[in-house]
Amino acid sequence: SRYAEPAGSHTTDAHYQLDLSYTHDFPFGSRYNLQLRGDIFNALDNQTGSNIQNSFNIAGYGEPRDYFAPRRFQLMVRFMF
């Protein structure tokens, strides 16, 4: 199967991903600060396939076996003194 077809004849779709982050500080007193941070990873929820099945004698030949992670959120609170 190694030389069954020309190199590069099977390619995956292009993968793009948009990650966003927002941070806001809330100062109180003269020495303290409360910081809130929110992150969104893969905001467009692009789940492109990867790790293509390359063995022609196994079911799913040419199909992706893995996908990029779906959209996810993260929140953080930090107290600084």
C-alpha atoms as a PDB file:
ATOM      1  CA  SER A   1       0.000   0.000   0.000  1.00  0.00           C
ATOM      2  CA  ARG A   2       2.991   2.295   0.365  1.00  0.00           C
ATOM      3  CA  TYR A   3       3.369   2.923  -3.376  1.00  0.00           C
ATOM      4  CA  ALA A   4      -0.241   2.351  -4.476  1.00  0.00           C
ATOM      5  CA  GLU A   5      -0.782   6.012  -5.348  1.00  0.00           C
ATOM      6  CA  PRO A   6       1.323   9.152  -5.762  1.00  0.00           C
ATOM      7  CA  ALA A   7       2.471  10.983  -2.640  1.00  0.00           C
ATOM      8  CA  GLY A   8       0.199  13.882  -1.752  1.00  0.00           C
ATOM      9  CA  SER A   9      -2.826  12.551  -3.627  1.00  0.00           C
ATOM     10  CA  HIS A  10      -4.864  12.491  -0.409  1.00  0.00           C
ATOM     11  CA  THR A  11      -4.914  15.682   1.638  1.00  0.00           C
ATOM     12  CA  THR A  12      -7.083  16.885   4.499  1.00  0.00           C
ATOM     13  CA  ASP A  13      -9.161  20.047   4.570  1.00  0.00           C
ATOM     14  CA  ALA A  14      -7.426  23.195   5.816  1.00  0.00           C
ATOM     15  CA  HIS A  15      -7.849  23.798   9.537  1.00  0.00           C
ATOM     16  CA  TYR A  16      -8.414  27.253  10.988  1.00  0.00           C
ATOM     17  CA  GLN A  17      -9.217  28.164  14.547  1.00  0.00           C
ATOM     18  CA  LEU A  18     -10.107  31.404  16.355  1.00  0.00           C
ATOM     19  CA  ASP A  19      -9.258  31.733  20.065  1.00  0.00           C
ATOM     20  CA  LEU A  20     -10.519  34.721  22.079  1.00  0.00           C
ATOM     21  CA  SER A  21      -9.551  36.028  25.505  1.00  0.00           C
ATOM     22  CA  TYR A  22     -10.845  38.878  27.681  1.00  0.00           C
ATOM     23  CA  THR A  23      -9.328  40.120  30.947  1.00  0.00           C
ATOM     24  CA  HIS A  24     -10.761  42.733  33.308  1.00  0.00           C
ATOM     25  CA  ASP A  25      -9.234  44.102  36.530  1.00  0.00           C
ATOM     26  CA  PHE A  26     -11.300  45.306  39.494  1.00  0.00           C
ATOM     27  CA  PRO A  27      -9.029  47.274  41.847  1.00  0.00           C
ATOM     28  CA  PHE A  28     -10.218  47.813  45.415  1.00  0.00           C
ATOM     29  CA  GLY A  29      -8.395  49.428  48.240  1.00  0.00           C
ATOM     30  CA  SER A  30      -4.887  50.641  47.628  1.00  0.00           C
ATOM     31  CA  ARG A  31      -3.226  47.212  47.423  1.00  0.00           C
ATOM     32  CA  TYR A  32      -5.731  44.672  46.152  1.00  0.00           C
ATOM     33  CA  ASN A  33      -6.919  43.663  42.720  1.00  0.00           C
ATOM     34  CA  LEU A  34      -9.445  41.111  41.535  1.00  0.00           C
ATOM     35  CA  GLN A  35      -8.914  39.912  37.978  1.00  0.00           C
ATOM     36  CA  LEU A  36     -11.500  38.087  35.865  1.00  0.00           C
ATOM     37  CA  ARG A  37     -10.505  36.321  32.672  1.00  0.00           C
ATOM     38  CA  GLY A  38     -12.581  34.467  30.099  1.00  0.00           C
ATOM     39  CA  ASP A  39     -11.231  32.383  27.232  1.00  0.00           C
ATOM     40  CA  ILE A  40     -12.981  30.784  24.271  1.00  0.00           C
ATOM     41  CA  PHE A  41     -11.004  28.205  22.333  1.00  0.00           C
ATOM     42  CA  ASN A  42     -12.061  27.309  18.777  1.00  0.00           C
ATOM     43  CA  ALA A  43     -14.788  29.985  18.817  1.00  0.00           C
ATOM     44  CA  LEU A  44     -15.954  29.078  15.297  1.00  0.00           C
ATOM     45  CA  ASP A  45     -16.313  25.397  16.303  1.00  0.00           C
ATOM     46  CA  ASN A  46     -14.288  24.137  13.336  1.00  0.00           C
ATOM     47  CA  GLN A  47     -13.805  20.378  13.826  1.00  0.00           C
ATOM     48  CA  THR A  48     -11.588  19.389  10.923  1.00  0.00           C
ATOM     49  CA  GLY A  49     -10.699  15.713  10.584  1.00  0.00           C
ATOM     50  CA  SER A  50      -7.117  14.511  10.974  1.00  0.00           C
ATOM     51  CA  ASN A  51      -5.181  11.235  11.219  1.00  0.00           C
ATOM     52  CA  ILE A  52      -6.571   9.840   7.952  1.00  0.00           C
ATOM     53  CA  GLN A  53      -6.964   6.056   7.648  1.00  0.00           C
ATOM     54  CA  ASN A  54      -4.304   5.097   5.106  1.00  0.00           C
ATOM     55  CA  SER A  55      -4.658   1.299   4.972  1.00  0.00           C
ATOM     56  CA  PHE A  56      -6.792   0.384   1.968  1.00  0.00           C
ATOM     57  CA  ASN A  57      -7.671  -3.055   3.378  1.00  0.00           C
ATOM     58  CA  ILE A  58      -9.343  -1.634   6.523  1.00  0.00           C
ATOM     59  CA  ALA A  59     -12.856  -0.151   6.663  1.00  0.00           C
ATOM     60  CA  GLY A  60     -12.910   3.629   6.516  1.00  0.00           C
ATOM     61  CA  TYR A  61     -10.029   4.035   4.061  1.00  0.00           C
ATOM     62  CA  GLY A  62      -9.432   7.740   3.451  1.00  0.00           C
ATOM     63  CA  GLU A  63     -11.681   8.800   6.368  1.00  0.00           C
ATOM     64  CA  PRO A  64     -10.440  10.804   9.366  1.00  0.00           C
ATOM     65  CA  ARG A  65      -9.884   8.880  12.605  1.00  0.00           C
ATOM     66  CA  ASP A  66      -9.547  11.973  14.845  1.00  0.00           C
ATOM     67  CA  TYR A  67     -10.999  15.479  14.918  1.00  0.00           C
ATOM     68  CA  PHE A  68      -9.780  18.758  16.379  1.00  0.00           C
ATOM     69  CA  ALA A  69     -11.304  19.676  19.747  1.00  0.00           C
ATOM     70  CA  PRO A  70     -14.740  21.379  19.696  1.00  0.00           C
ATOM     71  CA  ARG A  71     -15.451  24.841  21.104  1.00  0.00           C
ATOM     72  CA  ARG A  72     -14.683  25.173  24.816  1.00  0.00           C
ATOM     73  CA  PHE A  73     -14.799  27.886  27.460  1.00  0.00           C
ATOM     74  CA  GLN A  74     -12.567  28.700  30.415  1.00  0.00           C
ATOM     75  CA  LEU A  75     -13.174  31.171  33.251  1.00  0.00           C
ATOM     76  CA  MET A  76     -10.600  32.316  35.780  1.00  0.00           C
ATOM     77  CA  VAL A  77     -10.663  34.495  38.881  1.00  0.00           C
ATOM     78  CA  ARG A  78      -7.417  35.800  40.370  1.00  0.00           C
ATOM     79  CA  PHE A  79      -6.935  37.724  43.603  1.00  0.00           C
ATOM     80  CA  MET A  80      -3.729  39.791  43.731  1.00  0.00           C
ATOM     81  CA  PHE A  81      -2.397  41.420  46.864  1.00  0.00           C
END
